[in-house]
């Protein structure tokens, strides 16, 4: 799964979404079942240049988010 950056209110939170923390003042969530299935991983959020392959917002100059997973 890839991280998705959306404007607030574009996608309502699901009943099983878990707040992992905030990134530059913006909340970061993951589905609780996915979080458990991945073994409660440590997630690192990074910015990457280039087009995204999801419906996530792109920042200036085609920057988008990617995650690295560590258990």
PDB file of N, CA and C in Angstrom:
ATOM      1  N   UNK A   1       0.843  -1.180   0.000  1.00  0.00           N
ATOM      2  CA  UNK A   1       0.000   0.000   0.000  1.00  0.00           C
ATOM      3  C   UNK A   1       0.885   1.239   0.000  1.00  0.00           C
ATOM      4  N   UNK A   2       0.391   2.294  -0.606  1.00  0.00           N
ATOM      5  CA  UNK A   2       1.124   3.553  -0.675  1.00  0.00           C
ATOM      6  C   UNK A   2       0.416   4.604   0.154  1.00  0.00           C
ATOM      7  N   UNK A   3       1.171   5.525   0.739  1.00  0.00           N
ATOM      8  CA  UNK A   3       0.524   6.604   1.483  1.00  0.00           C
ATOM      9  C   UNK A   3      -0.245   7.501   0.522  1.00  0.00           C
ATOM     10  N   UNK A   4      -1.330   8.046   0.983  1.00  0.00           N
ATOM     11  CA  UNK A   4      -2.148   8.927   0.173  1.00  0.00           C
ATOM     12  C   UNK A   4      -2.304  10.242   0.911  1.00  0.00           C
ATOM     13  N   UNK A   5      -1.995  11.312   0.245  1.00  0.00           N
ATOM     14  CA  UNK A   5      -2.137  12.646   0.814  1.00  0.00           C
ATOM     15  C   UNK A   5      -3.376  13.288   0.203  1.00  0.00           C
ATOM     16  N   UNK A   6      -4.334  13.625   1.042  1.00  0.00           N
ATOM     17  CA  UNK A   6      -5.580  14.224   0.577  1.00  0.00           C
ATOM     18  C   UNK A   6      -5.850  15.500   1.358  1.00  0.00           C
ATOM     19  N   UNK A   7      -6.642  16.376   0.754  1.00  0.00           N
ATOM     20  CA  UNK A   7      -7.083  17.559   1.479  1.00  0.00           C
ATOM     21  C   UNK A   7      -8.042  17.110   2.568  1.00  0.00           C
ATOM     22  N   UNK A   8      -8.015  17.824   3.690  1.00  0.00           N
ATOM     23  CA  UNK A   8      -8.887  17.477   4.806  1.00  0.00           C
ATOM     24  C   UNK A   8     -10.335  17.442   4.344  1.00  0.00           C
ATOM     25  N   UNK A   9     -11.031  16.359   4.693  1.00  0.00           N
ATOM     26  CA  UNK A   9     -12.435  16.207   4.370  1.00  0.00           C
ATOM     27  C   UNK A   9     -12.703  15.498   3.042  1.00  0.00           C
ATOM     28  N   UNK A  10     -11.669  15.264   2.218  1.00  0.00           N
ATOM     29  CA  UNK A  10     -11.891  14.584   0.932  1.00  0.00           C
ATOM     30  C   UNK A  10     -12.237  13.113   1.100  1.00  0.00           C
ATOM     31  N   UNK A  11     -11.728  12.493   2.128  1.00  0.00           N
ATOM     32  CA  UNK A  11     -12.014  11.084   2.391  1.00  0.00           C
ATOM     33  C   UNK A  11     -12.290  10.946   3.881  1.00  0.00           C
ATOM     34  N   UNK A  12     -13.533  10.680   4.259  1.00  0.00           N
ATOM     35  CA  UNK A  12     -13.840  10.575   5.688  1.00  0.00           C
ATOM     36  C   UNK A  12     -13.075   9.420   6.331  1.00  0.00           C
ATOM     37  N   UNK A  13     -12.722   9.600   7.582  1.00  0.00           N
ATOM     38  CA  UNK A  13     -12.047   8.540   8.320  1.00  0.00           C
ATOM     39  C   UNK A  13     -12.987   7.356   8.480  1.00  0.00           C
ATOM     40  N   UNK A  14     -12.424   6.168   8.399  1.00  0.00           N
ATOM     41  CA  UNK A  14     -13.194   4.958   8.626  1.00  0.00           C
ATOM     42  C   UNK A  14     -13.233   4.639  10.111  1.00  0.00           C
ATOM     43  N   UNK A  15     -14.124   3.768  10.528  1.00  0.00           N
ATOM     44  CA  UNK A  15     -14.260   3.437  11.943  1.00  0.00           C
ATOM     45  C   UNK A  15     -13.041   2.724  12.509  1.00  0.00           C
ATOM     46  N   UNK A  16     -12.199   2.170  11.644  1.00  0.00           N
ATOM     47  CA  UNK A  16     -11.039   1.418  12.116  1.00  0.00           C
ATOM     48  C   UNK A  16      -9.722   2.118  11.810  1.00  0.00           C
ATOM     49  N   UNK A  17      -9.770   3.394  11.417  1.00  0.00           N
ATOM     50  CA  UNK A  17      -8.546   4.137  11.161  1.00  0.00           C
ATOM     51  C   UNK A  17      -7.887   4.518  12.483  1.00  0.00           C
ATOM     52  N   UNK A  18      -6.558   4.379  12.515  1.00  0.00           N
ATOM     53  CA  UNK A  18      -5.781   4.656  13.722  1.00  0.00           C
ATOM     54  C   UNK A  18      -4.871   5.851  13.445  1.00  0.00           C
ATOM     55  N   UNK A  19      -4.897   6.825  14.333  1.00  0.00           N
ATOM     56  CA  UNK A  19      -4.041   8.002  14.209  1.00  0.00           C
ATOM     57  C   UNK A  19      -2.642   7.637  14.683  1.00  0.00           C
ATOM     58  N   UNK A  20      -1.665   7.657  13.756  1.00  0.00           N
ATOM     59  CA  UNK A  20      -0.286   7.304  14.111  1.00  0.00           C
ATOM     60  C   UNK A  20       0.505   8.504  14.604  1.00  0.00           C
ATOM     61  N   UNK A  21       0.091   9.680  14.210  1.00  0.00           N
ATOM     62  CA  UNK A  21       0.812  10.886  14.597  1.00  0.00           C
ATOM     63  C   UNK A  21       0.527  11.995  13.607  1.00  0.00           C
ATOM     64  N   UNK A  22       1.300  13.061  13.724  1.00  0.00           N
ATOM     65  CA  UNK A  22       1.132  14.210  12.851  1.00  0.00           C
ATOM     66  C   UNK A  22       2.422  14.454  12.072  1.00  0.00           C
ATOM     67  N   UNK A  23       2.278  14.888  10.843  1.00  0.00           N
ATOM     68  CA  UNK A  23       3.404  15.231   9.981  1.00  0.00           C
ATOM     69  C   UNK A  23       3.234  16.702   9.616  1.00  0.00           C
ATOM     70  N   UNK A  24       4.120  17.528  10.133  1.00  0.00           N
ATOM     71  CA  UNK A  24       4.048  18.980   9.883  1.00  0.00           C
ATOM     72  C   UNK A  24       2.657  19.527  10.205  1.00  0.00           C
ATOM     73  N   UNK A  25       2.066  19.036  11.288  1.00  0.00           N
ATOM     74  CA  UNK A  25       0.756  19.510  11.720  1.00  0.00           C
ATOM     75  C   UNK A  25      -0.426  18.830  11.057  1.00  0.00           C
ATOM     76  N   UNK A  26      -0.172  17.892  10.147  1.00  0.00           N
ATOM     77  CA  UNK A  26      -1.254  17.180   9.464  1.00  0.00           C
ATOM     78  C   UNK A  26      -1.349  15.757  10.008  1.00  0.00           C
ATOM     79  N   UNK A  27      -2.566  15.290  10.318  1.00  0.00           N
ATOM     80  CA  UNK A  27      -2.718  13.951  10.880  1.00  0.00           C
ATOM     81  C   UNK A  27      -2.369  12.857   9.873  1.00  0.00           C
ATOM     82  N   UNK A  28      -1.817  11.749  10.387  1.00  0.00           N
ATOM     83  CA  UNK A  28      -1.408  10.604   9.569  1.00  0.00           C
ATOM     84  C   UNK A  28      -2.099   9.374  10.141  1.00  0.00           C
ATOM     85  N   UNK A  29      -2.874   8.677   9.309  1.00  0.00           N
ATOM     86  CA  UNK A  29      -3.692   7.546   9.742  1.00  0.00           C
ATOM     87  C   UNK A  29      -3.338   6.286   8.962  1.00  0.00           C
ATOM     88  N   UNK A  30      -3.669   5.140   9.554  1.00  0.00           N
ATOM     89  CA  UNK A  30      -3.568   3.852   8.876  1.00  0.00           C
ATOM     90  C   UNK A  30      -4.759   3.002   9.327  1.00  0.00           C
ATOM     91  N   UNK A  31      -5.208   2.134   8.452  1.00  0.00           N
ATOM     92  CA  UNK A  31      -6.279   1.209   8.817  1.00  0.00           C
ATOM     93  C   UNK A  31      -5.742   0.235   9.871  1.00  0.00           C
ATOM     94  N   UNK A  32      -6.476   0.025  10.937  1.00  0.00           N
ATOM     95  CA  UNK A  32      -5.987  -0.805  12.043  1.00  0.00           C
ATOM     96  C   UNK A  32      -5.703  -2.248  11.617  1.00  0.00           C
ATOM     97  N   UNK A  33      -6.527  -2.813  10.726  1.00  0.00           N
ATOM     98  CA  UNK A  33      -6.282  -4.183  10.277  1.00  0.00           C
ATOM     99  C   UNK A  33      -4.981  -4.276   9.478  1.00  0.00           C
ATOM    100  N   UNK A  34      -4.732  -3.291   8.631  1.00  0.00           N
ATOM    101  CA  UNK A  34      -3.489  -3.287   7.863  1.00  0.00           C
ATOM    102  C   UNK A  34      -2.286  -3.122   8.790  1.00  0.00           C
ATOM    103  N   UNK A  35      -2.407  -2.257   9.761  1.00  0.00           N
ATOM    104  CA  UNK A  35      -1.342  -2.027  10.734  1.00  0.00           C
ATOM    105  C   UNK A  35      -1.002  -3.325  11.477  1.00  0.00           C
ATOM    106  N   UNK A  36      -2.004  -4.052  11.901  1.00  0.00           N
ATOM    107  CA  UNK A  36      -1.781  -5.315  12.606  1.00  0.00           C
ATOM    108  C   UNK A  36      -1.227  -6.387  11.666  1.00  0.00           C
ATOM    109  N   UNK A  37      -1.770  -6.441  10.443  1.00  0.00           N
ATOM    110  CA  UNK A  37      -1.311  -7.429   9.460  1.00  0.00           C
ATOM    111  C   UNK A  37       0.167  -7.233   9.130  1.00  0.00           C
ATOM    112  N   UNK A  38       0.614  -5.992   9.113  1.00  0.00           N
ATOM    113  CA  UNK A  38       2.023  -5.686   8.849  1.00  0.00           C
ATOM    114  C   UNK A  38       2.897  -5.869  10.084  1.00  0.00           C
ATOM    115  N   UNK A  39       2.304  -6.280  11.205  1.00  0.00           N
ATOM    116  CA  UNK A  39       3.083  -6.523  12.417  1.00  0.00           C
ATOM    117  C   UNK A  39       3.447  -5.268  13.182  1.00  0.00           C
ATOM    118  N   UNK A  40       2.556  -4.264  13.175  1.00  0.00           N
ATOM    119  CA  UNK A  40       2.774  -2.998  13.873  1.00  0.00           C
ATOM    120  C   UNK A  40       4.126  -2.383  13.505  1.00  0.00           C
ATOM    121  N   UNK A  41       4.329  -2.110  12.223  1.00  0.00           N
ATOM    122  CA  UNK A  41       5.637  -1.660  11.760  1.00  0.00           C
ATOM    123  C   UNK A  41       5.966  -0.226  12.164  1.00  0.00           C
ATOM    124  N   UNK A  42       7.238   0.072  12.112  1.00  0.00           N
ATOM    125  CA  UNK A  42       7.718   1.453  12.229  1.00  0.00           C
ATOM    126  C   UNK A  42       7.685   2.008  10.812  1.00  0.00           C
ATOM    127  N   UNK A  43       6.950   3.087  10.586  1.00  0.00           N
ATOM    128  CA  UNK A  43       6.827   3.664   9.253  1.00  0.00           C
ATOM    129  C   UNK A  43       7.626   4.959   9.171  1.00  0.00           C
ATOM    130  N   UNK A  44       8.388   5.103   8.104  1.00  0.00           N
ATOM    131  CA  UNK A  44       9.116   6.339   7.832  1.00  0.00           C
ATOM    132  C   UNK A  44       8.496   6.961   6.590  1.00  0.00           C
ATOM    133  N   UNK A  45       8.054   8.195   6.716  1.00  0.00           N
ATOM    134  CA  UNK A  45       7.427   8.910   5.609  1.00  0.00           C
ATOM    135  C   UNK A  45       8.469   9.821   4.976  1.00  0.00           C
ATOM    136  N   UNK A  46       8.624   9.684   3.667  1.00  0.00           N
ATOM    137  CA  UNK A  46       9.591  10.502   2.934  1.00  0.00           C
ATOM    138  C   UNK A  46       8.912  11.149   1.744  1.00  0.00           C
ATOM    139  N   UNK A  47       9.534  12.203   1.230  1.00  0.00           N
ATOM    140  CA  UNK A  47       9.063  12.852   0.010  1.00  0.00           C
ATOM    141  C   UNK A  47       9.955  12.403  -1.132  1.00  0.00           C
ATOM    142  N   UNK A  48       9.352  12.177  -2.297  1.00  0.00           N
ATOM    143  CA  UNK A  48      10.091  11.703  -3.459  1.00  0.00           C
ATOM    144  C   UNK A  48       9.669  12.513  -4.681  1.00  0.00           C
ATOM    145  N   UNK A  49      10.594  12.774  -5.568  1.00  0.00           N
ATOM    146  CA  UNK A  49      10.277  13.485  -6.809  1.00  0.00           C
ATOM    147  C   UNK A  49       9.740  12.507  -7.851  1.00  0.00           C
ATOM    148  N   UNK A  50       8.919  13.012  -8.733  1.00  0.00           N
ATOM    149  CA  UNK A  50       8.362  12.199  -9.800  1.00  0.00           C
ATOM    150  C   UNK A  50       6.872  12.021  -9.620  1.00  0.00           C
ATOM    151  N   UNK A  51       6.241  11.533 -10.638  1.00  0.00           N
ATOM    152  CA  UNK A  51       4.790  11.338 -10.615  1.00  0.00           C
ATOM    153  C   UNK A  51       4.420  10.204  -9.658  1.00  0.00           C
ATOM    154  N   UNK A  52       3.308  10.355  -9.012  1.00  0.00           N
ATOM    155  CA  UNK A  52       2.795   9.318  -8.124  1.00  0.00           C
ATOM    156  C   UNK A  52       1.981   8.312  -8.934  1.00  0.00           C
ATOM    157  N   UNK A  53       1.895   7.084  -8.434  1.00  0.00           N
ATOM    158  CA  UNK A  53       1.097   6.078  -9.135  1.00  0.00           C
ATOM    159  C   UNK A  53      -0.218   5.807  -8.413  1.00  0.00           C
ATOM    160  N   UNK A  54      -0.627   6.752  -7.561  1.00  0.00           N
ATOM    161  CA  UNK A  54      -1.906   6.617  -6.850  1.00  0.00           C
ATOM    162  C   UNK A  54      -2.699   7.901  -7.050  1.00  0.00           C
ATOM    163  N   UNK A  55      -3.834   8.004  -6.373  1.00  0.00           N
ATOM    164  CA  UNK A  55      -4.655   9.204  -6.497  1.00  0.00           C
ATOM    165  C   UNK A  55      -4.288  10.245  -5.452  1.00  0.00           C
ATOM    166  N   UNK A  56      -3.131  10.124  -4.847  1.00  0.00           N
ATOM    167  CA  UNK A  56      -2.643  11.062  -3.849  1.00  0.00           C
ATOM    168  C   UNK A  56      -2.366  12.426  -4.479  1.00  0.00           C
ATOM    169  N   UNK A  57      -2.510  13.476  -3.676  1.00  0.00           N
ATOM    170  CA  UNK A  57      -2.120  14.809  -4.133  1.00  0.00           C
ATOM    171  C   UNK A  57      -0.624  14.833  -4.398  1.00  0.00           C
ATOM    172  N   UNK A  58      -0.225  15.588  -5.381  1.00  0.00           N
ATOM    173  CA  UNK A  58       1.196  15.812  -5.608  1.00  0.00           C
ATOM    174  C   UNK A  58       1.507  17.227  -5.161  1.00  0.00           C
ATOM    175  N   UNK A  59       2.669  17.406  -4.613  1.00  0.00           N
ATOM    176  CA  UNK A  59       3.097  18.732  -4.209  1.00  0.00           C
ATOM    177  C   UNK A  59       3.709  19.463  -5.383  1.00  0.00           C
ATOM    178  N   UNK A  60       4.378  20.538  -5.086  1.00  0.00           N
ATOM    179  CA  UNK A  60       5.051  21.313  -6.118  1.00  0.00           C
ATOM    180  C   UNK A  60       6.079  20.458  -6.839  1.00  0.00           C
ATOM    181  N   UNK A  61       6.184  20.650  -8.121  1.00  0.00           N
ATOM    182  CA  UNK A  61       7.172  19.967  -8.954  1.00  0.00           C
ATOM    183  C   UNK A  61       7.075  18.443  -8.869  1.00  0.00           C
ATOM    184  N   UNK A  62       5.880  17.902  -8.700  1.00  0.00           N
ATOM    185  CA  UNK A  62       5.692  16.456  -8.741  1.00  0.00           C
ATOM    186  C   UNK A  62       6.231  15.701  -7.548  1.00  0.00           C
ATOM    187  N   UNK A  63       6.328  16.336  -6.394  1.00  0.00           N
ATOM    188  CA  UNK A  63       6.793  15.644  -5.187  1.00  0.00           C
ATOM    189  C   UNK A  63       5.617  14.898  -4.572  1.00  0.00           C
ATOM    190  N   UNK A  64       5.848  13.649  -4.137  1.00  0.00           N
ATOM    191  CA  UNK A  64       4.808  12.860  -3.493  1.00  0.00           C
ATOM    192  C   UNK A  64       5.427  12.078  -2.323  1.00  0.00           C
ATOM    193  N   UNK A  65       4.589  11.470  -1.528  1.00  0.00           N
ATOM    194  CA  UNK A  65       5.038  10.742  -0.346  1.00  0.00           C
ATOM    195  C   UNK A  65       5.253   9.267  -0.638  1.00  0.00           C
ATOM    196  N   UNK A  66       6.231   8.690   0.026  1.00  0.00           N
ATOM    197  CA  UNK A  66       6.482   7.254   0.013  1.00  0.00           C
ATOM    198  C   UNK A  66       6.750   6.831   1.458  1.00  0.00           C
ATOM    199  N   UNK A  67       6.488   5.570   1.772  1.00  0.00           N
ATOM    200  CA  UNK A  67       6.799   5.079   3.120  1.00  0.00           C
ATOM    201  C   UNK A  67       7.827   3.966   3.030  1.00  0.00           C
ATOM    202  N   UNK A  68       8.625   3.879   4.066  1.00  0.00           N
ATOM    203  CA  UNK A  68       9.522   2.748   4.263  1.00  0.00           C
ATOM    204  C   UNK A  68       9.039   2.062   5.530  1.00  0.00           C
ATOM    205  N   UNK A  69       9.018   0.751   5.499  1.00  0.00           N
ATOM    206  CA  UNK A  69       8.508  -0.032   6.625  1.00  0.00           C
ATOM    207  C   UNK A  69       9.631  -0.786   7.288  1.00  0.00           C
ATOM    208  N   UNK A  70       9.679  -0.704   8.614  1.00  0.00           N
ATOM    209  CA  UNK A  70      10.651  -1.451   9.393  1.00  0.00           C
ATOM    210  C   UNK A  70       9.898  -2.081  10.555  1.00  0.00           C
ATOM    211  N   UNK A  71      10.165  -3.323  10.829  1.00  0.00           N
ATOM    212  CA  UNK A  71       9.481  -4.016  11.932  1.00  0.00           C
ATOM    213  C   UNK A  71      10.322  -4.059  13.169  1.00  0.00           C
TER     214      UNK A  71
END
